[in-house]
Protein backbone atom coordinates (compact mmCIF):
# COMPACT_ATOMS: atom_id res chain seq x y z
CA UNK A 1 133.07 107.40 128.29
CA UNK A 2 132.43 108.68 124.78
CA UNK A 3 128.98 110.14 124.23
CA UNK A 4 127.21 108.75 121.16
CA UNK A 5 125.33 111.33 119.10
CA UNK A 6 121.99 109.84 118.07
CA UNK A 7 120.44 110.68 114.70
CA UNK A 8 116.96 110.87 116.23
CA UNK A 9 115.89 112.04 119.68
CA UNK A 10 115.17 109.33 122.23
CA UNK A 11 111.78 107.75 121.73
CA UNK A 12 109.29 108.53 124.49
CA UNK A 13 105.88 107.30 125.55
CA UNK A 14 103.04 109.56 124.49
CA UNK A 15 100.31 110.00 127.09
CA UNK A 16 97.52 112.58 127.34
CA UNK A 17 98.96 114.65 124.52
CA UNK A 18 102.55 114.90 125.74
CA UNK A 19 105.75 112.91 125.51
CA UNK A 20 106.83 111.36 128.79
CA UNK A 21 110.57 111.17 129.62
CA UNK A 22 112.10 107.72 129.56
CA UNK A 23 111.95 105.56 132.65
CA UNK A 24 114.75 103.53 134.15
CA UNK A 25 115.04 100.92 131.40
CA UNK A 26 115.63 101.45 127.69
CA UNK A 27 117.17 99.73 124.68
CA UNK A 28 118.97 100.89 121.58
CA UNK A 29 117.20 101.34 118.25
CA UNK A 30 119.54 100.07 115.54
CA UNK A 31 119.24 100.91 111.86
CA UNK A 32 119.56 97.69 109.85
CA UNK A 33 120.96 99.71 106.95
CA UNK A 34 124.33 100.12 108.64
CA UNK A 35 124.07 98.62 112.12
CA UNK A 36 124.31 102.03 113.80
CA UNK A 37 122.36 103.12 116.88
CA UNK A 38 119.91 105.84 115.80
CA UNK A 39 117.82 106.27 118.97
CA UNK A 40 116.77 104.65 122.22
CA UNK A 41 113.35 103.35 123.25
CA UNK A 42 111.92 102.96 126.76
CA UNK A 43 110.99 99.53 128.10
CA UNK A 44 107.86 100.53 129.94
CA UNK A 45 106.29 98.94 132.97
CA UNK A 46 102.73 98.02 133.90
CA UNK A 47 102.50 101.35 135.75
CA UNK A 48 103.36 103.22 132.54
CA UNK A 49 100.57 101.38 130.73
CA UNK A 50 98.15 102.12 133.54
CA UNK A 51 98.89 105.83 133.21
CA UNK A 52 98.09 105.69 129.49
CA UNK A 53 94.88 103.73 130.04
CA UNK A 54 93.71 106.27 132.62
CA UNK A 55 94.37 109.10 130.16
CA UNK A 56 92.40 107.27 127.47
CA UNK A 57 89.54 106.53 129.86
CA UNK A 58 89.39 110.21 130.80
CA UNK A 59 89.23 111.25 127.13
CA UNK A 60 86.68 108.62 126.08
CA UNK A 61 83.37 110.16 127.29
CA UNK A 62 83.85 113.45 125.43
CA UNK A 63 85.41 111.92 122.32
CA UNK A 64 82.76 109.23 121.91
CA UNK A 65 80.00 111.82 122.40
CA UNK A 66 81.12 113.77 119.33
CA UNK A 67 79.09 112.78 116.22
CA UNK A 68 81.14 110.63 113.86
CA UNK A 69 80.81 113.14 111.02
CA UNK A 70 82.68 115.59 113.24
CA UNK A 71 85.19 113.02 114.53
CA UNK A 72 86.34 112.16 111.00
CA UNK A 73 87.18 115.79 110.30
CA UNK A 74 90.35 115.14 112.30
CA UNK A 75 91.30 112.46 109.81
CA UNK A 76 90.58 114.65 106.79
CA UNK A 77 93.15 117.06 108.22
CA UNK A 78 95.48 114.23 109.20
CA UNK A 79 95.41 112.81 105.67
CA UNK A 80 96.58 116.17 104.36
CA UNK A 81 99.43 116.14 106.86
CA UNK A 82 100.49 112.64 105.82
CA UNK A 83 100.63 113.84 102.22
CA UNK A 84 102.57 116.96 103.19
CA UNK A 85 105.15 115.03 105.20
CA UNK A 86 105.29 111.90 103.03
CA UNK A 87 109.01 112.00 102.27
CA UNK A 88 109.93 112.71 105.88
CA UNK A 89 107.79 109.79 107.06
CA UNK A 90 109.22 107.54 104.34
CA UNK A 91 112.74 108.40 105.41
CA UNK A 92 111.92 107.42 109.00
CA UNK A 93 110.63 104.06 107.78
CA UNK A 94 113.71 103.54 105.64
CA UNK A 95 116.06 104.42 108.46
CA UNK A 96 114.57 102.23 111.17
CA UNK A 97 113.28 99.33 109.07
CA UNK A 98 115.77 99.13 106.21
CA UNK A 99 113.34 99.34 103.28
CA UNK A 100 114.29 101.10 100.08
CA UNK A 101 113.00 104.66 99.92
CA UNK A 102 110.50 103.72 97.21
CA UNK A 103 109.12 100.91 99.38
CA UNK A 104 108.94 103.22 102.38
CA UNK A 105 107.08 105.83 100.32
CA UNK A 106 104.61 103.16 99.14
CA UNK A 107 104.02 102.24 102.77
CA UNK A 108 103.10 105.83 103.64
CA UNK A 109 100.86 106.00 100.57
CA UNK A 110 98.97 102.96 101.90
CA UNK A 111 98.62 104.72 105.26
CA UNK A 112 97.01 107.62 103.41
CA UNK A 113 94.57 105.24 101.74
CA UNK A 114 93.69 103.69 105.11
CA UNK A 115 93.08 107.15 106.57
CA UNK A 116 90.93 108.06 103.59
CA UNK A 117 88.77 105.00 104.22
CA UNK A 118 88.23 106.08 107.83
CA UNK A 119 86.86 109.37 106.51
CA UNK A 120 84.12 107.39 104.74
CA UNK A 121 82.92 105.64 107.92
CA UNK A 122 79.94 107.96 108.52
CA UNK A 123 78.41 106.61 105.30
CA UNK A 124 79.07 103.00 106.32
CA UNK A 125 77.64 103.03 109.85
CA UNK A 126 74.57 105.14 109.32
CA UNK A 127 72.56 102.60 111.30
CA UNK A 128 69.23 100.93 110.58
CA UNK A 129 65.67 101.94 111.39
CA UNK A 130 62.56 99.91 110.71
CA UNK A 131 58.92 100.14 111.68
CA UNK A 132 58.48 96.58 112.90
CA UNK A 133 54.82 97.01 113.90
CA UNK A 134 52.26 99.81 113.74
CA UNK A 135 53.82 102.67 115.68
CA UNK A 136 56.78 100.57 116.86
CA UNK A 137 60.30 101.25 115.59
CA UNK A 138 63.51 99.30 116.06
CA UNK A 139 66.85 101.05 115.64
CA UNK A 140 70.40 99.65 115.48
CA UNK A 141 73.50 101.81 116.07
CA UNK A 142 77.25 101.14 116.21
CA UNK A 143 78.76 102.30 119.50
CA UNK A 144 82.46 102.47 120.43
CA UNK A 145 83.93 99.96 122.86
CA UNK A 146 86.04 102.30 125.00
CA UNK A 147 89.79 101.99 125.38
CA UNK A 148 91.40 99.66 122.82
CA UNK A 149 94.98 98.61 122.10
CA UNK A 150 96.98 97.93 118.95
CA UNK A 151 100.22 95.92 119.05
CA UNK A 152 102.23 96.52 115.86
CA UNK A 153 105.16 94.61 114.27
CA UNK A 154 108.55 95.75 112.94
CA UNK A 155 107.97 95.19 109.23
CA UNK A 156 105.63 98.14 108.54
CA UNK A 157 106.34 100.92 111.10
CA UNK A 158 103.92 103.34 109.45
CA UNK A 159 101.30 101.25 107.63
CA UNK A 160 100.32 98.62 110.19
CA UNK A 161 99.56 101.21 112.90
CA UNK A 162 97.25 102.78 110.32
CA UNK A 163 95.43 99.48 109.94
CA UNK A 164 93.95 100.31 113.33
CA UNK A 165 94.42 103.95 114.34
CA UNK A 166 92.07 105.74 111.89
CA UNK A 167 89.19 103.25 112.03
CA UNK A 168 89.24 102.57 115.76
CA UNK A 169 89.49 106.24 116.70
CA UNK A 170 87.05 107.54 114.08
CA UNK A 171 84.52 105.02 115.41
CA UNK A 172 84.79 106.69 118.82
CA UNK A 173 87.35 104.61 120.70
CA UNK A 174 90.49 105.81 122.46
CA UNK A 175 93.67 103.92 121.67
CA UNK A 176 96.90 102.66 123.17
CA UNK A 177 99.52 101.82 120.50
CA UNK A 178 102.42 99.52 121.32
CA UNK A 179 104.92 99.79 118.43
CA UNK A 180 107.63 97.22 117.88
CA UNK A 181 110.59 98.15 120.04
CA UNK A 182 112.75 97.67 116.93
CA UNK A 183 111.00 100.44 114.95
CA UNK A 184 109.45 102.94 117.39
CA UNK A 185 110.55 106.21 115.81
CA UNK A 186 107.76 106.47 113.22
CA UNK A 187 105.04 106.17 115.86
CA UNK A 188 106.20 109.27 117.72
CA UNK A 189 105.89 111.29 114.52
CA UNK A 190 102.41 109.84 113.92
CA UNK A 191 101.41 111.10 117.38
CA UNK A 192 102.68 114.59 116.59
CA UNK A 193 100.75 114.76 113.32
CA UNK A 194 97.53 113.49 114.92
CA UNK A 195 97.79 116.23 117.53
CA UNK A 196 98.45 118.81 114.81
CA UNK A 197 95.32 117.54 113.04
CA UNK A 198 93.27 118.39 116.13
CA UNK A 199 92.90 115.02 117.87
CA UNK A 200 92.09 115.73 121.53
CA UNK A 201 94.67 114.76 124.16
CA UNK A 202 94.28 111.26 125.54
CA UNK A 203 92.45 109.83 122.54
CA UNK A 204 95.70 108.40 121.16
CA UNK A 205 98.54 107.21 123.37
CA UNK A 206 101.79 105.28 122.84
CA UNK A 207 103.38 102.91 125.34
CA UNK A 208 106.70 101.48 124.21
CA UNK A 209 108.24 98.28 125.44
CA UNK A 210 108.80 94.60 124.93
CA UNK A 211 107.07 91.41 126.05
CA UNK A 212 106.20 92.82 129.47
CA UNK A 213 103.96 95.50 127.94
CA UNK A 214 102.31 93.07 125.54
CA UNK A 215 101.36 90.88 128.49
CA UNK A 216 100.20 93.91 130.48
CA UNK A 217 97.95 94.99 127.60
CA UNK A 218 96.37 91.53 127.46
CA UNK A 219 95.77 91.62 131.23
CA UNK A 220 94.70 95.23 131.84
CA UNK A 221 91.02 95.40 132.90
CA UNK A 222 90.61 98.87 131.38
CA UNK A 223 91.31 97.71 127.82
CA UNK A 224 88.30 96.36 125.92
CA UNK A 225 89.88 95.05 122.72
CA UNK A 226 93.33 94.13 121.42
CA UNK A 227 94.64 93.85 117.87
CA UNK A 228 97.97 92.17 117.21
CA UNK A 229 100.17 91.64 114.14
CA UNK A 230 103.25 89.44 114.33
CA UNK A 231 104.36 85.83 114.29
CA UNK A 232 101.86 82.98 114.65
CA UNK A 233 103.60 81.77 117.81
CA UNK A 234 103.07 85.09 119.57
CA UNK A 235 99.65 85.68 117.96
CA UNK A 236 98.37 82.50 119.61
CA UNK A 237 99.70 83.59 123.00
CA UNK A 238 98.21 87.08 122.69
CA UNK A 239 94.85 85.76 121.51
CA UNK A 240 94.58 83.21 124.33
CA UNK A 241 95.71 85.67 127.00
CA UNK A 242 93.53 88.56 125.85
CA UNK A 243 90.38 86.47 125.42
CA UNK A 244 90.96 84.70 128.75
CA UNK A 245 90.71 88.19 130.24
CA UNK A 246 87.36 88.61 128.42
CA UNK A 247 88.64 91.02 125.77
CA UNK A 248 87.92 91.06 122.08
CA UNK A 249 91.01 90.10 120.13
CA UNK A 250 92.03 89.75 116.50
CA UNK A 251 95.59 88.47 116.16
CA UNK A 252 97.27 88.18 112.78
CA UNK A 253 100.11 85.67 112.56
CA UNK A 254 102.59 84.45 110.00
CA UNK A 255 102.21 83.04 106.52
CA UNK A 256 103.57 80.64 103.95
CA UNK A 257 102.06 81.96 100.76
CA UNK A 258 101.98 79.66 97.73
CA UNK A 259 102.14 80.93 94.17
CA UNK A 260 100.99 78.23 91.76
CA UNK A 261 102.56 78.66 88.32
CA UNK A 262 100.94 76.77 85.45
CA UNK A 263 102.61 75.92 82.11
CA UNK A 264 100.36 78.40 80.29
CA UNK A 265 101.33 81.31 82.55
CA UNK A 266 102.50 84.47 80.78
CA UNK A 267 106.30 84.11 81.15
CA UNK A 268 107.42 87.72 81.53
CA UNK A 269 104.53 88.85 83.71
CA UNK A 270 104.86 85.80 85.93
CA UNK A 271 108.61 86.17 86.36
CA UNK A 272 108.42 89.87 87.26
CA UNK A 273 105.46 89.42 89.63
CA UNK A 274 106.86 86.38 91.43
CA UNK A 275 110.27 87.99 91.86
CA UNK A 276 108.81 91.26 93.12
CA UNK A 277 106.56 89.39 95.55
CA UNK A 278 109.47 87.34 96.88
CA UNK A 279 111.93 90.20 97.29
CA UNK A 280 109.78 93.26 98.02
CA UNK A 281 110.41 94.71 101.48
CA UNK A 282 113.27 92.14 101.66
CA UNK A 283 110.62 89.43 101.94
CA UNK A 284 109.62 90.76 105.36
CA UNK A 285 105.88 90.89 104.81
CA UNK A 286 103.18 88.37 105.50
CA UNK A 287 102.02 88.59 101.87
CA UNK A 288 105.40 87.73 100.33
CA UNK A 289 105.72 84.83 97.90
CA UNK A 290 107.79 82.35 99.87
CA UNK A 291 106.79 79.10 98.12
CA UNK A 292 106.22 78.67 94.41
CA UNK A 293 104.52 75.51 93.20
CA UNK A 294 105.80 74.75 89.69
CA UNK A 295 103.24 72.68 87.80
CA UNK A 296 104.63 70.60 84.97
CA UNK A 297 107.52 71.80 82.87
CA UNK A 298 107.98 75.51 83.49
CA UNK A 299 111.78 75.57 83.47
CA UNK A 300 111.81 78.51 81.07
CA UNK A 301 109.75 80.60 83.50
CA UNK A 302 111.99 79.57 86.39
CA UNK A 303 115.00 80.74 84.37
CA UNK A 304 113.30 84.11 83.81
CA UNK A 305 112.66 84.36 87.57
CA UNK A 306 116.36 83.75 88.19
CA UNK A 307 117.26 86.40 85.62
CA UNK A 308 114.93 88.88 87.33
CA UNK A 309 116.31 87.99 90.77
CA UNK A 310 119.86 88.73 89.62
CA UNK A 311 118.79 92.29 88.77
CA UNK A 312 117.93 92.91 92.43
CA UNK A 313 120.96 94.24 94.29
CA UNK A 314 121.18 94.67 98.08
CA UNK A 315 121.66 98.30 99.01
CA UNK A 316 120.31 99.54 95.68
CA UNK A 317 116.87 98.11 94.90
CA UNK A 318 116.76 95.66 97.82
CA UNK A 319 116.63 96.79 101.43
CA UNK A 320 118.08 95.16 104.51
CA UNK A 321 116.49 92.66 106.85
CA UNK A 322 115.69 93.89 110.33
CA UNK A 323 118.60 92.54 112.39
CA UNK A 324 121.76 90.45 112.50
CA UNK A 325 119.73 87.65 114.07
CA UNK A 326 117.23 87.76 111.19
CA UNK A 327 120.04 87.61 108.61
CA UNK A 328 121.58 84.59 110.34
CA UNK A 329 118.23 82.82 110.61
CA UNK A 330 117.36 83.36 106.93
CA UNK A 331 120.76 82.16 105.75
CA UNK A 332 120.47 79.12 108.01
CA UNK A 333 117.23 78.13 106.26
CA UNK A 334 118.99 78.37 102.88
CA UNK A 335 121.95 76.28 104.04
CA UNK A 336 119.73 73.62 105.58
CA UNK A 337 117.67 73.35 102.38
CA UNK A 338 120.85 72.91 100.36
CA UNK A 339 122.06 70.18 102.71
CA UNK A 340 118.67 68.46 102.41
CA UNK A 341 119.05 68.18 98.63
CA UNK A 342 117.51 71.37 97.23
CA UNK A 343 119.35 73.20 94.47
CA UNK A 344 120.36 76.85 94.95
CA UNK A 345 119.76 78.65 91.65
CA UNK A 346 120.41 82.17 92.95
CA UNK A 347 122.33 82.50 96.21
CA UNK A 348 121.87 85.58 98.39
CA UNK A 349 124.04 84.54 101.32
CA UNK A 350 127.07 86.46 102.62
CA UNK A 351 126.21 89.74 100.92
CA UNK A 352 127.93 92.98 101.89
CA UNK A 353 126.99 96.47 100.78
CA UNK A 354 129.83 98.87 100.11
CA UNK A 355 129.73 101.73 102.58
CA UNK A 356 127.30 99.87 104.84
CA UNK A 357 129.36 96.79 105.58
CA UNK A 358 127.78 96.43 109.02
CA UNK A 359 124.23 96.41 107.62
CA UNK A 360 122.05 93.33 107.62
CA UNK A 361 121.58 92.24 104.01
CA UNK A 362 120.44 89.02 102.35
CA UNK A 363 120.36 88.90 98.56
CA UNK A 364 117.44 87.44 96.58
CA UNK A 365 117.59 83.66 96.71
CA UNK A 366 115.87 81.11 94.47
CA UNK A 367 115.90 77.46 95.55
CA UNK A 368 114.61 74.68 93.28
CA UNK A 369 113.62 71.08 93.96
CA UNK A 370 112.41 71.83 97.47
CA UNK A 371 110.28 69.02 98.84
CA UNK A 372 107.15 69.63 100.96
CA UNK A 373 108.75 68.05 104.04
CA UNK A 374 111.68 70.50 104.16
CA UNK A 375 111.61 73.23 106.80
CA UNK A 376 111.97 75.94 104.15
CA UNK A 377 108.78 74.63 102.50
CA UNK A 378 106.74 74.67 105.70
CA UNK A 379 108.03 77.49 107.91
CA UNK A 380 107.94 81.24 107.49
CA UNK A 381 111.43 82.38 106.48
CA UNK A 382 110.61 86.13 106.34
CA UNK A 383 113.37 87.00 103.92
CA UNK A 384 113.91 87.41 100.14
CA UNK A 385 113.86 83.66 99.52
CA UNK A 386 111.74 81.71 97.03
CA UNK A 387 111.38 77.95 97.56
CA UNK A 388 110.24 76.12 94.40
CA UNK A 389 108.25 72.93 94.90
CA UNK A 390 107.54 70.75 91.86
CA UNK A 391 104.04 69.34 91.20
CA UNK A 392 102.82 67.14 88.34
CA UNK A 393 99.36 68.72 88.04
CA UNK A 394 96.96 71.28 89.52
CA UNK A 395 95.44 68.81 91.99
CA UNK A 396 98.84 68.09 93.50
CA UNK A 397 99.65 71.82 93.59
CA UNK A 398 96.43 72.62 95.46
CA UNK A 399 97.06 69.72 97.83
CA UNK A 400 100.48 71.21 98.65
CA UNK A 401 98.90 74.60 99.30
CA UNK A 402 96.13 73.09 101.41
CA UNK A 403 98.63 71.18 103.55
CA UNK A 404 100.13 74.39 104.94
CA UNK A 405 99.27 75.32 108.52
CA UNK A 406 98.96 78.92 107.36
CA UNK A 407 96.32 80.52 105.18
CA UNK A 408 97.14 84.14 104.49
CA UNK A 409 97.40 84.27 100.70
CA UNK A 410 97.62 82.10 97.58
CA UNK A 411 97.94 83.02 93.92
CA UNK A 412 97.81 81.27 90.58
CA UNK A 413 99.52 82.34 87.36
CA UNK A 414 97.62 81.08 84.34
CA UNK A 415 95.78 82.25 81.24
CA UNK A 416 92.96 79.78 81.87
CA UNK A 417 89.83 81.08 83.53
CA UNK A 418 88.83 77.54 84.49
CA UNK A 419 92.10 76.86 86.30
CA UNK A 420 91.90 80.24 88.01
CA UNK A 421 88.39 79.45 89.21
CA UNK A 422 89.54 76.13 90.67
CA UNK A 423 92.26 77.82 92.69
CA UNK A 424 89.90 80.57 93.82
CA UNK A 425 87.46 77.95 95.12
CA UNK A 426 89.86 75.34 96.49
CA UNK A 427 92.83 77.24 97.96
CA UNK A 428 92.76 77.41 101.76
CA UNK A 429 93.62 81.06 102.20
CA UNK A 430 91.81 84.26 103.07
CA UNK A 431 93.27 86.31 100.21
CA UNK A 432 93.52 84.92 96.67
CA UNK A 433 95.29 86.29 93.61
CA UNK A 434 95.07 85.51 89.91
CA UNK A 435 98.21 86.67 88.10
CA UNK A 436 98.91 88.86 91.14
CA UNK A 437 101.99 88.27 93.26
CA UNK A 438 100.82 90.19 96.31
CA UNK A 439 97.01 89.87 96.52
CA UNK A 440 96.43 92.53 99.16
CA UNK A 441 92.84 93.83 98.93
CA UNK A 442 92.43 97.57 98.50
CA UNK A 443 90.07 99.52 100.72
CA UNK A 444 87.19 99.04 101.47
CA UNK A 445 87.94 95.31 101.24
CA UNK A 446 89.46 93.92 104.40
CA UNK A 447 92.83 92.34 105.15
CA UNK A 448 92.96 88.97 106.92
CA UNK A 449 93.91 85.36 106.41
CA UNK A 450 92.66 81.96 107.48
CA UNK A 451 93.92 79.04 109.54
CA UNK A 452 97.01 79.85 111.62
CA UNK A 453 97.44 83.20 109.91
CA UNK A 454 94.61 84.77 111.90
CA UNK A 455 92.93 84.20 115.24
CA UNK A 456 89.63 85.83 116.14
CA UNK A 457 86.63 87.07 114.21
CA UNK A 458 86.44 90.02 111.80
CA UNK A 459 89.36 91.39 109.84
CA UNK A 460 91.67 94.18 110.92
CA UNK A 461 90.90 96.65 108.11
CA UNK A 462 88.08 97.63 105.76
CA UNK A 463 84.37 97.22 106.38
CA UNK A 464 84.92 94.09 108.46
CA UNK A 465 86.84 96.10 111.07
CA UNK A 466 83.70 98.07 111.94
CA UNK A 467 82.27 95.02 113.67
CA UNK A 468 85.47 94.56 115.66
CA UNK A 469 85.83 98.15 116.88
CA UNK A 470 82.14 98.69 117.79
CA UNK A 471 79.25 97.09 119.61
CA UNK A 472 75.61 97.26 118.58
CA UNK A 473 72.95 99.12 120.50
CA UNK A 474 69.37 98.08 119.65
CA UNK A 475 66.54 100.41 120.63
CA UNK A 476 62.80 99.74 120.38
CA UNK A 477 60.44 102.74 120.59
CA UNK A 478 56.64 103.03 120.86
CA UNK A 479 54.79 106.35 121.18
CA UNK A 480 51.15 105.51 120.33
CA UNK A 481 49.35 103.88 123.27
CA UNK A 482 46.10 104.09 121.29
CA UNK A 483 47.44 101.93 118.51
CA UNK A 484 46.36 98.37 118.03
CA UNK A 485 48.79 95.83 119.41
CA UNK A 486 49.92 92.42 118.35
CA UNK A 487 52.57 90.02 119.65
CA UNK A 488 55.31 92.32 118.41
CA UNK A 489 54.13 95.38 120.32
């Protein structure tokens, strides 16, 4: 049998500061750029998870006892390492996810910003102290939970793990990361850099695998909290299973983001923003513009969007989708919409990239005259596809947005402050944009949607995440027995 030379070493679990050799079961890691096997990843068992949890539990007492101002010094050093190795990390993302190199670099830059925010946590959790009665003080402190877990998706191999790693660990927790089995290579490099930055062994651990490990994380009695990012279908399952085992859980699901385009929208800015939102990261992000609500006669703007979309070329300034199955699913949505009566203005089906003919590419696609009852108008396609739904006025446009089961993001393109205000107040989404195609909040503002785009309380990043990753300890102190008392003391 011919031995296949892998571009990257086999992915391993990372437990107690060392990489553990693969177990009996593994699967191939395939680059969507060209369809080639670039590594292998272990499919871990419950016993493998248990080993990681025990390592984290062993590390927790000493790590949590370190003052937070000292804990964050690790992340100051780690931020420097991310900057030093940015291009290497970006190349890993490109190779295993299929993004363009510029998109992969932007992902690492966001990871740096997330790490930078974690360094500011000592100023944000300084606690509260109040003399509530003569000689009586009440004090509130944020304390870590213990061992926590983060289950990450395929679409951001570097960034989404950093939604959780810096904050959860800086706040004193020890972590188990479960990367997507489709993109596990980046996580091993993250582990190496965290160790180089001085993070003690056992504080951060990686357990690779598929559904079995996700279920084991939800069930394990040694894990106090679980974060999840993925599809709504799986987010619901994870949230129900984790909380039924008395864990904290925040589970981010899918999205169907609506961009409302008004007749007074700035044509060039709108066209470039909508197209970039639809096609960036090959549409594989929960903040992508997947439905555009065209209010009134905006045919000239739609034509500009088509012109912009035609400038986006797979393999050049458009990356691949994650797998052959994803490509087939996306193209099936397009075909079904066409059969249902929608009009394909720009068709991205059946694209091949010279030199990477076995890669998984879908070109930018613009579909007009989509009706709200079509599957492509209601379901998350997760590809570079824009479905245009026509509306006669703003009220109808907002009604279309409100009817979605999801609630991640919504944007409006207009030059009217009054119209913008209406959308800001009436759209049923957790993140709103005005003339912004991808309304992702920057740190310290948190990331999180509404409705079936998020399950659980608190958001996964920013200030809101502090409440998720910590518990409050309230202390009341009295030292003056001679003092006068009242009902408070």
